[in-house]
Amino acid sequence: MLALFALEAFNALGAALAIGLTGLGAAIGMGIGLGKAVDAIGRQPEANNKIRTTLIFGFAFCETIAIYGLLISILLLTV
């Protein structure tokens, strides 16, 4: 009985770490990317569209990593 409770607790802890760390990593990556993009647009306003397009693709990849973390946490909780 105690072993089953410990297994469920470790699954919940693993799920929390998975979603927490991937969310933190994605947020840090987005913050750094946005800061660099704003700096680049400030230095070269004529490259605004190209920088914005690249930034949106970067944000999409960061969000994909966060969604993978959510998927892993859901899989850990259903085991």
N, C-alpha and C. Protein backbone atom coordinates (compact mmCIF):
# COMPACT_ATOMS: atom_id res chain seq x y z
N MET A 1 0.81 -1.19 0.00
CA MET A 1 0.00 0.00 0.00
C MET A 1 0.86 1.26 0.00
N LEU A 2 1.89 1.25 0.86
CA LEU A 2 2.77 2.41 0.95
C LEU A 2 3.59 2.58 -0.32
N ALA A 3 3.98 1.45 -0.93
CA ALA A 3 4.77 1.52 -2.16
C ALA A 3 3.93 2.11 -3.30
N LEU A 4 2.67 1.76 -3.35
CA LEU A 4 1.79 2.31 -4.38
C LEU A 4 1.60 3.82 -4.18
N PHE A 5 1.45 4.24 -2.94
CA PHE A 5 1.33 5.67 -2.65
C PHE A 5 2.61 6.41 -3.03
N ALA A 6 3.77 5.82 -2.75
CA ALA A 6 5.04 6.46 -3.09
C ALA A 6 5.19 6.55 -4.60
N LEU A 7 4.77 5.52 -5.33
CA LEU A 7 4.85 5.55 -6.78
C LEU A 7 3.97 6.65 -7.36
N GLU A 8 2.77 6.80 -6.83
CA GLU A 8 1.89 7.88 -7.29
C GLU A 8 2.46 9.25 -6.95
N ALA A 9 3.09 9.35 -5.80
CA ALA A 9 3.70 10.63 -5.40
C ALA A 9 4.87 10.98 -6.32
N PHE A 10 5.68 10.00 -6.65
CA PHE A 10 6.81 10.26 -7.54
C PHE A 10 6.34 10.57 -8.96
N ASN A 11 5.26 9.95 -9.41
CA ASN A 11 4.69 10.29 -10.71
C ASN A 11 4.20 11.73 -10.74
N ALA A 12 3.54 12.14 -9.67
CA ALA A 12 3.07 13.53 -9.60
C ALA A 12 4.24 14.50 -9.54
N LEU A 13 5.28 14.15 -8.80
CA LEU A 13 6.47 15.00 -8.72
C LEU A 13 7.16 15.10 -10.08
N GLY A 14 7.27 13.98 -10.77
CA GLY A 14 7.87 14.00 -12.11
C GLY A 14 7.06 14.82 -13.09
N ALA A 15 5.75 14.73 -13.01
CA ALA A 15 4.89 15.52 -13.89
C ALA A 15 5.03 17.00 -13.59
N ALA A 16 5.08 17.34 -12.31
CA ALA A 16 5.24 18.75 -11.93
C ALA A 16 6.58 19.29 -12.40
N LEU A 17 7.63 18.52 -12.25
CA LEU A 17 8.94 18.96 -12.72
C LEU A 17 8.98 19.08 -14.24
N ALA A 18 8.34 18.15 -14.94
CA ALA A 18 8.34 18.20 -16.40
C ALA A 18 7.67 19.46 -16.91
N ILE A 19 6.50 19.77 -16.41
CA ILE A 19 5.78 20.95 -16.91
C ILE A 19 6.42 22.22 -16.39
N GLY A 20 6.92 22.20 -15.17
CA GLY A 20 7.54 23.40 -14.61
C GLY A 20 8.82 23.78 -15.32
N LEU A 21 9.70 22.81 -15.52
CA LEU A 21 10.98 23.12 -16.16
C LEU A 21 10.84 23.45 -17.64
N THR A 22 9.95 22.76 -18.33
CA THR A 22 9.78 23.11 -19.74
C THR A 22 9.11 24.47 -19.89
N GLY A 23 8.17 24.78 -19.02
CA GLY A 23 7.55 26.10 -19.06
C GLY A 23 8.54 27.20 -18.74
N LEU A 24 9.39 26.96 -17.75
CA LEU A 24 10.42 27.93 -17.40
C LEU A 24 11.42 28.11 -18.54
N GLY A 25 11.83 27.02 -19.14
CA GLY A 25 12.77 27.10 -20.26
C GLY A 25 12.19 27.84 -21.45
N ALA A 26 10.93 27.56 -21.76
CA ALA A 26 10.28 28.25 -22.87
C ALA A 26 10.12 29.73 -22.59
N ALA A 27 9.77 30.08 -21.35
CA ALA A 27 9.60 31.49 -21.00
C ALA A 27 10.93 32.24 -21.06
N ILE A 28 11.99 31.62 -20.59
CA ILE A 28 13.30 32.26 -20.66
C ILE A 28 13.73 32.44 -22.11
N GLY A 29 13.53 31.41 -22.91
CA GLY A 29 13.88 31.50 -24.33
C GLY A 29 13.11 32.59 -25.06
N MET A 30 11.82 32.69 -24.76
CA MET A 30 11.01 33.73 -25.39
C MET A 30 11.43 35.12 -24.94
N GLY A 31 11.73 35.26 -23.67
CA GLY A 31 12.16 36.56 -23.16
C GLY A 31 13.46 37.02 -23.79
N ILE A 32 14.42 36.13 -23.88
CA ILE A 32 15.69 36.47 -24.51
C ILE A 32 15.49 36.79 -25.99
N GLY A 33 14.70 35.97 -26.67
CA GLY A 33 14.45 36.20 -28.09
C GLY A 33 13.75 37.52 -28.35
N LEU A 34 12.76 37.84 -27.53
CA LEU A 34 12.03 39.10 -27.71
C LEU A 34 12.93 40.29 -27.43
N GLY A 35 13.76 40.19 -26.41
CA GLY A 35 14.69 41.28 -26.12
C GLY A 35 15.66 41.53 -27.26
N LYS A 36 16.20 40.46 -27.82
CA LYS A 36 17.13 40.60 -28.95
C LYS A 36 16.42 41.14 -30.19
N ALA A 37 15.18 40.71 -30.40
CA ALA A 37 14.44 41.20 -31.57
C ALA A 37 14.14 42.69 -31.46
N VAL A 38 13.75 43.14 -30.28
CA VAL A 38 13.48 44.56 -30.08
C VAL A 38 14.76 45.36 -30.27
N ASP A 39 15.87 44.85 -29.77
CA ASP A 39 17.15 45.51 -29.96
C ASP A 39 17.52 45.58 -31.44
N ALA A 40 17.31 44.48 -32.15
CA ALA A 40 17.64 44.45 -33.58
C ALA A 40 16.75 45.39 -34.39
N ILE A 41 15.46 45.45 -34.06
CA ILE A 41 14.56 46.37 -34.77
C ILE A 41 14.94 47.81 -34.47
N GLY A 42 15.37 48.08 -33.24
CA GLY A 42 15.82 49.43 -32.90
C GLY A 42 17.06 49.83 -33.67
N ARG A 43 17.93 48.87 -33.94
CA ARG A 43 19.16 49.18 -34.68
C ARG A 43 18.92 49.25 -36.19
N GLN A 44 18.05 48.39 -36.71
CA GLN A 44 17.78 48.35 -38.15
C GLN A 44 16.27 48.30 -38.39
N PRO A 45 15.62 49.44 -38.35
CA PRO A 45 14.15 49.43 -38.53
C PRO A 45 13.71 48.94 -39.90
N GLU A 46 14.56 49.03 -40.90
CA GLU A 46 14.17 48.58 -42.23
C GLU A 46 14.07 47.07 -42.33
N ALA A 47 14.65 46.35 -41.38
CA ALA A 47 14.57 44.88 -41.37
C ALA A 47 13.45 44.39 -40.46
N ASN A 48 12.49 45.23 -40.18
CA ASN A 48 11.42 44.92 -39.24
C ASN A 48 10.65 43.65 -39.61
N ASN A 49 10.24 43.52 -40.85
CA ASN A 49 9.42 42.37 -41.26
C ASN A 49 10.20 41.06 -41.17
N LYS A 50 11.45 41.09 -41.59
CA LYS A 50 12.27 39.87 -41.56
C LYS A 50 12.53 39.43 -40.12
N ILE A 51 12.82 40.39 -39.25
CA ILE A 51 13.08 40.06 -37.85
C ILE A 51 11.81 39.53 -37.18
N ARG A 52 10.68 40.16 -37.46
CA ARG A 52 9.42 39.74 -36.85
C ARG A 52 9.05 38.32 -37.29
N THR A 53 9.26 38.01 -38.57
CA THR A 53 8.94 36.66 -39.06
C THR A 53 9.81 35.61 -38.38
N THR A 54 11.10 35.90 -38.25
CA THR A 54 12.00 34.97 -37.59
C THR A 54 11.63 34.82 -36.11
N LEU A 55 11.23 35.91 -35.48
CA LEU A 55 10.84 35.87 -34.08
C LEU A 55 9.60 35.00 -33.88
N ILE A 56 8.64 35.10 -34.77
CA ILE A 56 7.42 34.30 -34.65
C ILE A 56 7.73 32.81 -34.81
N PHE A 57 8.63 32.47 -35.74
CA PHE A 57 9.03 31.07 -35.87
C PHE A 57 9.75 30.58 -34.60
N GLY A 58 10.58 31.41 -34.04
CA GLY A 58 11.26 31.04 -32.80
C GLY A 58 10.30 30.83 -31.66
N PHE A 59 9.29 31.72 -31.55
CA PHE A 59 8.27 31.55 -30.52
C PHE A 59 7.49 30.26 -30.71
N ALA A 60 7.24 29.90 -31.95
CA ALA A 60 6.51 28.65 -32.23
C ALA A 60 7.31 27.45 -31.74
N PHE A 61 8.63 27.48 -31.96
CA PHE A 61 9.46 26.37 -31.49
C PHE A 61 9.52 26.33 -29.96
N CYS A 62 9.58 27.48 -29.32
CA CYS A 62 9.58 27.52 -27.85
C CYS A 62 8.26 26.97 -27.30
N GLU A 63 7.16 27.33 -27.90
CA GLU A 63 5.86 26.83 -27.46
C GLU A 63 5.74 25.33 -27.70
N THR A 64 6.34 24.84 -28.77
CA THR A 64 6.31 23.41 -29.04
C THR A 64 7.00 22.64 -27.93
N ILE A 65 8.13 23.15 -27.46
CA ILE A 65 8.83 22.50 -26.36
C ILE A 65 7.97 22.51 -25.10
N ALA A 66 7.28 23.61 -24.83
CA ALA A 66 6.40 23.67 -23.66
C ALA A 66 5.25 22.68 -23.78
N ILE A 67 4.72 22.52 -24.98
CA ILE A 67 3.63 21.56 -25.19
C ILE A 67 4.13 20.13 -25.01
N TYR A 68 5.37 19.85 -25.44
CA TYR A 68 5.94 18.53 -25.20
C TYR A 68 6.06 18.25 -23.70
N GLY A 69 6.45 19.25 -22.93
CA GLY A 69 6.51 19.09 -21.48
C GLY A 69 5.14 18.79 -20.88
N LEU A 70 4.12 19.47 -21.39
CA LEU A 70 2.76 19.19 -20.94
C LEU A 70 2.34 17.78 -21.29
N LEU A 71 2.68 17.34 -22.48
CA LEU A 71 2.36 15.98 -22.90
C LEU A 71 3.05 14.94 -22.02
N ILE A 72 4.31 15.17 -21.72
CA ILE A 72 5.04 14.24 -20.85
C ILE A 72 4.41 14.20 -19.46
N SER A 73 4.02 15.35 -18.93
CA SER A 73 3.41 15.36 -17.61
C SER A 73 2.07 14.63 -17.60
N ILE A 74 1.31 14.78 -18.66
CA ILE A 74 0.03 14.05 -18.75
C ILE A 74 0.28 12.56 -18.83
N LEU A 75 1.29 12.15 -19.61
CA LEU A 75 1.62 10.73 -19.70
C LEU A 75 2.10 10.18 -18.37
N LEU A 76 2.86 10.96 -17.62
CA LEU A 76 3.31 10.48 -16.31
C LEU A 76 2.15 10.33 -15.33
N LEU A 77 1.18 11.20 -15.43
CA LEU A 77 0.05 11.12 -14.50
C LEU A 77 -0.92 9.99 -14.84
N THR A 78 -0.91 9.52 -16.08
CA THR A 78 -1.83 8.44 -16.46
C THR A 78 -1.22 7.07 -16.30
N VAL A 79 0.03 6.98 -15.92
CA VAL A 79 0.67 5.67 -15.74
C VAL A 79 0.27 5.06 -14.44
